[in-house]
Amino acid sequence: AREALTRARATLAQKLPIDMVSTDLRDAVAS
């Protein structure tokens, strides 16, 4: 879960498309 949150935070910091964040959030929710 922590790794997924870290990836999602990095995606936001890099200003990448918002849909890329949703994949990592699903991983954290599943954990």
PDB file of all heavy atoms in Angstrom:
ATOM      1  N   ALA A   1       0.839  -1.204   0.000  1.00  0.00           N
ATOM      2  CA  ALA A   1       0.000   0.000   0.000  1.00  0.00           C
ATOM      3  C   ALA A   1       0.871   1.249   0.000  1.00  0.00           C
ATOM      4  O   ALA A   1       0.606   2.212  -0.743  1.00  0.00           O
ATOM      5  CB  ALA A   1      -0.921  -0.012   1.205  1.00  0.00           C
ATOM      6  N   ARG A   2       1.919   1.248   0.822  1.00  0.00           N
ATOM      7  CA  ARG A   2       2.803   2.413   0.873  1.00  0.00           C
ATOM      8  C   ARG A   2       3.509   2.625  -0.461  1.00  0.00           C
ATOM      9  O   ARG A   2       3.653   3.770  -0.921  1.00  0.00           O
ATOM     10  CB  ARG A   2       3.820   2.251   2.001  1.00  0.00           C
ATOM     11  CG  ARG A   2       4.731   3.458   2.173  1.00  0.00           C
ATOM     12  CD  ARG A   2       5.541   3.385   3.445  1.00  0.00           C
ATOM     13  NE  ARG A   2       6.408   2.223   3.493  1.00  0.00           N
ATOM     14  CZ  ARG A   2       7.221   1.942   4.520  1.00  0.00           C
ATOM     15  NH1 ARG A   2       7.250   2.751   5.575  1.00  0.00           N
ATOM     16  NH2 ARG A   2       7.977   0.868   4.502  1.00  0.00           N
ATOM     17  N   GLU A   3       3.938   1.548  -1.086  1.00  0.00           N
ATOM     18  CA  GLU A   3       4.589   1.664  -2.398  1.00  0.00           C
ATOM     19  C   GLU A   3       3.624   2.229  -3.439  1.00  0.00           C
ATOM     20  O   GLU A   3       4.009   3.057  -4.281  1.00  0.00           O
ATOM     21  CB  GLU A   3       5.112   0.298  -2.843  1.00  0.00           C
ATOM     22  CG  GLU A   3       6.289  -0.197  -2.006  1.00  0.00           C
ATOM     23  CD  GLU A   3       6.646  -1.646  -2.305  1.00  0.00           C
ATOM     24  OE1 GLU A   3       5.862  -2.318  -3.030  1.00  0.00           O
ATOM     25  OE2 GLU A   3       7.693  -2.111  -1.824  1.00  0.00           O
ATOM     26  N   ALA A   4       2.359   1.787  -3.397  1.00  0.00           N
ATOM     27  CA  ALA A   4       1.366   2.299  -4.342  1.00  0.00           C
ATOM     28  C   ALA A   4       1.113   3.783  -4.108  1.00  0.00           C
ATOM     29  O   ALA A   4       0.979   4.567  -5.068  1.00  0.00           O
ATOM     30  CB  ALA A   4       0.067   1.509  -4.204  1.00  0.00           C
ATOM     31  N   LEU A   5       1.048   4.195  -2.848  1.00  0.00           N
ATOM     32  CA  LEU A   5       0.855   5.614  -2.532  1.00  0.00           C
ATOM     33  C   LEU A   5       2.044   6.445  -3.002  1.00  0.00           C
ATOM     34  O   LEU A   5       1.879   7.568  -3.506  1.00  0.00           O
ATOM     35  CB  LEU A   5       0.664   5.787  -1.025  1.00  0.00           C
ATOM     36  CG  LEU A   5      -0.613   5.187  -0.429  1.00  0.00           C
ATOM     37  CD1 LEU A   5      -0.541   5.190   1.093  1.00  0.00           C
ATOM     38  CD2 LEU A   5      -1.845   5.946  -0.913  1.00  0.00           C
ATOM     39  N   THR A   6       3.246   5.890  -2.857  1.00  0.00           N
ATOM     40  CA  THR A   6       4.454   6.596  -3.313  1.00  0.00           C
ATOM     41  C   THR A   6       4.437   6.773  -4.823  1.00  0.00           C
ATOM     42  O   THR A   6       4.782   7.851  -5.341  1.00  0.00           O
ATOM     43  CB  THR A   6       5.711   5.819  -2.875  1.00  0.00           C
ATOM     44  OG1 THR A   6       5.729   5.704  -1.447  1.00  0.00           O
ATOM     45  CG2 THR A   6       6.974   6.530  -3.332  1.00  0.00           C
ATOM     46  N   ARG A   7       4.023   5.732  -5.543  1.00  0.00           N
ATOM     47  CA  ARG A   7       3.945   5.840  -7.007  1.00  0.00           C
ATOM     48  C   ARG A   7       2.908   6.885  -7.419  1.00  0.00           C
ATOM     49  O   ARG A   7       3.139   7.680  -8.332  1.00  0.00           O
ATOM     50  CB  ARG A   7       3.595   4.486  -7.624  1.00  0.00           C
ATOM     51  CG  ARG A   7       4.676   3.426  -7.494  1.00  0.00           C
ATOM     52  CD  ARG A   7       4.405   2.239  -8.420  1.00  0.00           C
ATOM     53  NE  ARG A   7       3.108   1.631  -8.167  1.00  0.00           N
ATOM     54  CZ  ARG A   7       2.906   0.634  -7.311  1.00  0.00           C
ATOM     55  NH1 ARG A   7       3.933   0.153  -6.602  1.00  0.00           N
ATOM     56  NH2 ARG A   7       1.705   0.106  -7.151  1.00  0.00           N
ATOM     57  N   ALA A   8       1.772   6.859  -6.747  1.00  0.00           N
ATOM     58  CA  ALA A   8       0.727   7.824  -7.078  1.00  0.00           C
ATOM     59  C   ALA A   8       1.192   9.251  -6.804  1.00  0.00           C
ATOM     60  O   ALA A   8       0.923  10.173  -7.596  1.00  0.00           O
ATOM     61  CB  ALA A   8      -0.533   7.517  -6.269  1.00  0.00           C
ATOM     62  N   ARG A   9       1.907   9.444  -5.707  1.00  0.00           N
ATOM     63  CA  ARG A   9       2.414  10.780  -5.378  1.00  0.00           C
ATOM     64  C   ARG A   9       3.424  11.242  -6.410  1.00  0.00           C
ATOM     65  O   ARG A   9       3.445  12.435  -6.802  1.00  0.00           O
ATOM     66  CB  ARG A   9       3.062  10.726  -3.989  1.00  0.00           C
ATOM     67  CG  ARG A   9       3.463  12.085  -3.446  1.00  0.00           C
ATOM     68  CD  ARG A   9       2.251  12.920  -3.144  1.00  0.00           C
ATOM     69  NE  ARG A   9       2.618  14.206  -2.558  1.00  0.00           N
ATOM     70  CZ  ARG A   9       2.993  15.276  -3.245  1.00  0.00           C
ATOM     71  NH1 ARG A   9       3.046  15.235  -4.576  1.00  0.00           N
ATOM     72  NH2 ARG A   9       3.299  16.410  -2.623  1.00  0.00           N
ATOM     73  N   ALA A  10       4.283  10.311  -6.878  1.00  0.00           N
ATOM     74  CA  ALA A  10       5.268  10.672  -7.907  1.00  0.00           C
ATOM     75  C   ALA A  10       4.577  11.041  -9.216  1.00  0.00           C
ATOM     76  O   ALA A  10       5.013  11.961  -9.926  1.00  0.00           O
ATOM     77  CB  ALA A  10       6.231   9.508  -8.124  1.00  0.00           C
ATOM     78  N   THR A  11       3.498  10.346  -9.556  1.00  0.00           N
ATOM     79  CA  THR A  11       2.739  10.656 -10.779  1.00  0.00           C
ATOM     80  C   THR A  11       2.192  12.077 -10.723  1.00  0.00           C
ATOM     81  O   THR A  11       2.253  12.832 -11.707  1.00  0.00           O
ATOM     82  CB  THR A  11       1.587   9.654 -10.950  1.00  0.00           C
ATOM     83  OG1 THR A  11       2.136   8.343 -11.092  1.00  0.00           O
ATOM     84  CG2 THR A  11       0.748   9.980 -12.170  1.00  0.00           C
ATOM     85  N   LEU A  12       1.653  12.441  -9.572  1.00  0.00           N
ATOM     86  CA  LEU A  12       1.135  13.802  -9.422  1.00  0.00           C
ATOM     87  C   LEU A  12       2.262  14.833  -9.509  1.00  0.00           C
ATOM     88  O   LEU A  12       2.098  15.889 -10.151  1.00  0.00           O
ATOM     89  CB  LEU A  12       0.427  13.947  -8.069  1.00  0.00           C
ATOM     90  CG  LEU A  12      -0.938  13.275  -7.928  1.00  0.00           C
ATOM     91  CD1 LEU A  12      -1.450  13.436  -6.503  1.00  0.00           C
ATOM     92  CD2 LEU A  12      -1.941  13.874  -8.922  1.00  0.00           C
ATOM     93  N   ALA A  13       3.391  14.539  -8.884  1.00  0.00           N
ATOM     94  CA  ALA A  13       4.512  15.475  -8.886  1.00  0.00           C
ATOM     95  C   ALA A  13       5.036  15.708 -10.297  1.00  0.00           C
ATOM     96  O   ALA A  13       5.496  16.814 -10.629  1.00  0.00           O
ATOM     97  CB  ALA A  13       5.623  14.963  -7.978  1.00  0.00           C
ATOM     98  N   GLN A  14       4.963  14.678 -11.135  1.00  0.00           N
ATOM     99  CA  GLN A  14       5.444  14.789 -12.505  1.00  0.00           C
ATOM    100  C   GLN A  14       4.386  15.349 -13.455  1.00  0.00           C
ATOM    101  O   GLN A  14       4.637  15.480 -14.656  1.00  0.00           O
ATOM    102  CB  GLN A  14       5.905  13.418 -13.001  1.00  0.00           C
ATOM    103  CG  GLN A  14       7.093  12.856 -12.228  1.00  0.00           C
ATOM    104  CD  GLN A  14       7.381  11.403 -12.590  1.00  0.00           C
ATOM    105  OE1 GLN A  14       7.189  10.992 -13.736  1.00  0.00           O
ATOM    106  NE2 GLN A  14       7.829  10.625 -11.609  1.00  0.00           N
ATOM    107  N   LYS A  15       3.204  15.667 -12.892  1.00  0.00           N
ATOM    108  CA  LYS A  15       2.093  16.238 -13.668  1.00  0.00           C
ATOM    109  C   LYS A  15       1.696  15.335 -14.846  1.00  0.00           C
ATOM    110  O   LYS A  15       1.375  15.812 -15.944  1.00  0.00           O
ATOM    111  CB  LYS A  15       2.445  17.641 -14.160  1.00  0.00           C
ATOM    112  CG  LYS A  15       2.787  18.611 -13.033  1.00  0.00           C
ATOM    113  CD  LYS A  15       2.973  20.018 -13.554  1.00  0.00           C
ATOM    114  CE  LYS A  15       3.388  20.977 -12.430  1.00  0.00           C
ATOM    115  NZ  LYS A  15       2.464  20.998 -11.314  1.00  0.00           N
ATOM    116  N   LEU A  16       1.721  14.030 -14.600  1.00  0.00           N
ATOM    117  CA  LEU A  16       1.289  13.069 -15.614  1.00  0.00           C
ATOM    118  C   LEU A  16      -0.234  12.987 -15.611  1.00  0.00           C
ATOM    119  O   LEU A  16      -0.892  13.465 -14.673  1.00  0.00           O
ATOM    120  CB  LEU A  16       1.911  11.708 -15.317  1.00  0.00           C
ATOM    121  CG  LEU A  16       3.447  11.660 -15.415  1.00  0.00           C
ATOM    122  CD1 LEU A  16       3.967  10.311 -14.948  1.00  0.00           C
ATOM    123  CD2 LEU A  16       3.906  11.959 -16.837  1.00  0.00           C
ATOM    124  N   PRO A  17      -0.832  12.366 -16.636  1.00  0.00           N
ATOM    125  CA  PRO A  17      -2.300  12.279 -16.703  1.00  0.00           C
ATOM    126  C   PRO A  17      -2.888  11.665 -15.435  1.00  0.00           C
ATOM    127  O   PRO A  17      -2.352  10.708 -14.877  1.00  0.00           O
ATOM    128  CB  PRO A  17      -2.541  11.389 -17.932  1.00  0.00           C
ATOM    129  CG  PRO A  17      -1.345  11.626 -18.796  1.00  0.00           C
ATOM    130  CD  PRO A  17      -0.205  11.814 -17.850  1.00  0.00           C
ATOM    131  N   ILE A  18      -4.026  12.224 -15.012  1.00  0.00           N
ATOM    132  CA  ILE A  18      -4.648  11.828 -13.752  1.00  0.00           C
ATOM    133  C   ILE A  18      -5.089  10.371 -13.744  1.00  0.00           C
ATOM    134  O   ILE A  18      -5.144   9.732 -12.689  1.00  0.00           O
ATOM    135  CB  ILE A  18      -5.852  12.753 -13.448  1.00  0.00           C
ATOM    136  CG1 ILE A  18      -6.294  12.609 -11.982  1.00  0.00           C
ATOM    137  CG2 ILE A  18      -7.008  12.457 -14.386  1.00  0.00           C
ATOM    138  CD1 ILE A  18      -5.364  13.193 -11.001  1.00  0.00           C
ATOM    139  N   ASP A  19      -5.382   9.793 -14.939  1.00  0.00           N
ATOM    140  CA  ASP A  19      -5.833   8.404 -14.973  1.00  0.00           C
ATOM    141  C   ASP A  19      -4.741   7.438 -14.533  1.00  0.00           C
ATOM    142  O   ASP A  19      -5.032   6.322 -14.084  1.00  0.00           O
ATOM    143  CB  ASP A  19      -6.340   8.027 -16.375  1.00  0.00           C
ATOM    144  CG  ASP A  19      -5.258   8.164 -17.428  1.00  0.00           C
ATOM    145  OD1 ASP A  19      -4.496   9.149 -17.385  1.00  0.00           O
ATOM    146  OD2 ASP A  19      -5.174   7.278 -18.293  1.00  0.00           O
ATOM    147  N   MET A  20      -3.469   7.859 -14.604  1.00  0.00           N
ATOM    148  CA  MET A  20      -2.379   6.998 -14.166  1.00  0.00           C
ATOM    149  C   MET A  20      -2.365   6.858 -12.645  1.00  0.00           C
ATOM    150  O   MET A  20      -1.872   5.863 -12.109  1.00  0.00           O
ATOM    151  CB  MET A  20      -1.037   7.557 -14.659  1.00  0.00           C
ATOM    152  CG  MET A  20      -0.905   7.560 -16.178  1.00  0.00           C
ATOM    153  SD  MET A  20       0.676   8.239 -16.740  1.00  0.00           S
ATOM    154  CE  MET A  20       1.813   7.027 -16.096  1.00  0.00           C
ATOM    155  N   VAL A  21      -2.927   7.849 -11.955  1.00  0.00           N
ATOM    156  CA  VAL A  21      -2.992   7.776 -10.499  1.00  0.00           C
ATOM    157  C   VAL A  21      -3.992   6.721 -10.044  1.00  0.00           C
ATOM    158  O   VAL A  21      -3.792   6.036  -9.031  1.00  0.00           O
ATOM    159  CB  VAL A  21      -3.384   9.156  -9.916  1.00  0.00           C
ATOM    160  CG1 VAL A  21      -3.557   9.078  -8.400  1.00  0.00           C
ATOM    161  CG2 VAL A  21      -2.343  10.199 -10.277  1.00  0.00           C
ATOM    162  N   SER A  22      -5.083   6.574 -10.800  1.00  0.00           N
ATOM    163  CA  SER A  22      -6.153   5.672 -10.369  1.00  0.00           C
ATOM    164  C   SER A  22      -5.671   4.234 -10.240  1.00  0.00           C
ATOM    165  O   SER A  22      -6.131   3.500  -9.346  1.00  0.00           O
ATOM    166  CB  SER A  22      -7.344   5.753 -11.330  1.00  0.00           C
ATOM    167  OG  SER A  22      -6.984   5.329 -12.633  1.00  0.00           O
ATOM    168  N   THR A  23      -4.753   3.796 -11.093  1.00  0.00           N
ATOM    169  CA  THR A  23      -4.237   2.422 -11.015  1.00  0.00           C
ATOM    170  C   THR A  23      -3.547   2.178  -9.681  1.00  0.00           C
ATOM    171  O   THR A  23      -3.771   1.155  -9.013  1.00  0.00           O
ATOM    172  CB  THR A  23      -3.254   2.149 -12.164  1.00  0.00           C
ATOM    173  OG1 THR A  23      -3.928   2.307 -13.410  1.00  0.00           O
ATOM    174  CG2 THR A  23      -2.695   0.737 -12.071  1.00  0.00           C
ATOM    175  N   ASP A  24      -2.724   3.141  -9.254  1.00  0.00           N
ATOM    176  CA  ASP A  24      -2.019   2.985  -7.982  1.00  0.00           C
ATOM    177  C   ASP A  24      -2.980   3.080  -6.804  1.00  0.00           C
ATOM    178  O   ASP A  24      -2.809   2.382  -5.791  1.00  0.00           O
ATOM    179  CB  ASP A  24      -0.929   4.045  -7.861  1.00  0.00           C
ATOM    180  CG  ASP A  24       0.182   3.858  -8.889  1.00  0.00           C
ATOM    181  OD1 ASP A  24       0.529   2.694  -9.157  1.00  0.00           O
ATOM    182  OD2 ASP A  24       0.681   4.858  -9.418  1.00  0.00           O
ATOM    183  N   LEU A  25      -4.005   3.921  -6.909  1.00  0.00           N
ATOM    184  CA  LEU A  25      -4.976   4.003  -5.824  1.00  0.00           C
ATOM    185  C   LEU A  25      -5.730   2.689  -5.671  1.00  0.00           C
ATOM    186  O   LEU A  25      -6.014   2.257  -4.545  1.00  0.00           O
ATOM    187  CB  LEU A  25      -5.962   5.148  -6.076  1.00  0.00           C
ATOM    188  CG  LEU A  25      -5.385   6.567  -6.080  1.00  0.00           C
ATOM    189  CD1 LEU A  25      -6.525   7.594  -6.075  1.00  0.00           C
ATOM    190  CD2 LEU A  25      -4.465   6.807  -4.901  1.00  0.00           C
ATOM    191  N   ARG A  26      -6.063   2.051  -6.801  1.00  0.00           N
ATOM    192  CA  ARG A  26      -6.737   0.742  -6.719  1.00  0.00           C
ATOM    193  C   ARG A  26      -5.846  -0.271  -6.011  1.00  0.00           C
ATOM    194  O   ARG A  26      -6.331  -1.103  -5.226  1.00  0.00           O
ATOM    195  CB  ARG A  26      -7.097   0.243  -8.118  1.00  0.00           C
ATOM    196  CG  ARG A  26      -8.272   0.938  -8.757  1.00  0.00           C
ATOM    197  CD  ARG A  26      -8.768   0.169  -9.983  1.00  0.00           C
ATOM    198  NE  ARG A  26      -9.551   1.026 -10.838  1.00  0.00           N
ATOM    199  CZ  ARG A  26      -9.079   1.702 -11.885  1.00  0.00           C
ATOM    200  NH1 ARG A  26      -7.795   1.591 -12.202  1.00  0.00           N
ATOM    201  NH2 ARG A  26      -9.865   2.466 -12.599  1.00  0.00           N
ATOM    202  N   ASP A  27      -4.536  -0.233  -6.302  1.00  0.00           N
ATOM    203  CA  ASP A  27      -3.612  -1.162  -5.649  1.00  0.00           C
ATOM    204  C   ASP A  27      -3.588  -0.938  -4.132  1.00  0.00           C
ATOM    205  O   ASP A  27      -3.581  -1.899  -3.345  1.00  0.00           O
ATOM    206  CB  ASP A  27      -2.199  -0.996  -6.214  1.00  0.00           C
ATOM    207  CG  ASP A  27      -2.071  -1.517  -7.637  1.00  0.00           C
ATOM    208  OD1 ASP A  27      -2.963  -2.287  -8.056  1.00  0.00           O
ATOM    209  OD2 ASP A  27      -1.088  -1.152  -8.315  1.00  0.00           O
ATOM    210  N   ALA A  28      -3.569   0.309  -3.708  1.00  0.00           N
ATOM    211  CA  ALA A  28      -3.560   0.606  -2.277  1.00  0.00           C
ATOM    212  C   ALA A  28      -4.865   0.180  -1.623  1.00  0.00           C
ATOM    213  O   ALA A  28      -4.869  -0.410  -0.535  1.00  0.00           O
ATOM    214  CB  ALA A  28      -3.314   2.099  -2.054  1.00  0.00           C
ATOM    215  N   VAL A  29      -5.992   0.463  -2.291  1.00  0.00           N
ATOM    216  CA  VAL A  29      -7.301   0.053  -1.769  1.00  0.00           C
ATOM    217  C   VAL A  29      -7.362  -1.468  -1.619  1.00  0.00           C
ATOM    218  O   VAL A  29      -7.862  -1.992  -0.617  1.00  0.00           O
ATOM    219  CB  VAL A  29      -8.434   0.562  -2.684  1.00  0.00           C
ATOM    220  CG1 VAL A  29      -9.761  -0.125  -2.350  1.00  0.00           C
ATOM    221  CG2 VAL A  29      -8.592   2.064  -2.559  1.00  0.00           C
ATOM    222  N   ALA A  30      -6.843  -2.188  -2.621  1.00  0.00           N
ATOM    223  CA  ALA A  30      -6.850  -3.653  -2.561  1.00  0.00           C
ATOM    224  C   ALA A  30      -5.992  -4.165  -1.411  1.00  0.00           C
ATOM    225  O   ALA A  30      -6.351  -5.129  -0.734  1.00  0.00           O
ATOM    226  CB  ALA A  30      -6.359  -4.228  -3.885  1.00  0.00           C
ATOM    227  N   SER A  31      -4.863  -3.497  -1.151  1.00  0.00           N
ATOM    228  CA  SER A  31      -3.990  -3.918  -0.056  1.00  0.00           C
ATOM    229  C   SER A  31      -4.677  -3.734   1.292  1.00  0.00           C
ATOM    230  O   SER A  31      -4.598  -4.599   2.168  1.00  0.00           O
ATOM    231  CB  SER A  31      -2.680  -3.116  -0.088  1.00  0.00           C
ATOM    232  OG  SER A  31      -1.948  -3.410  -1.267  1.00  0.00           O
TER     233      SER A  31
END
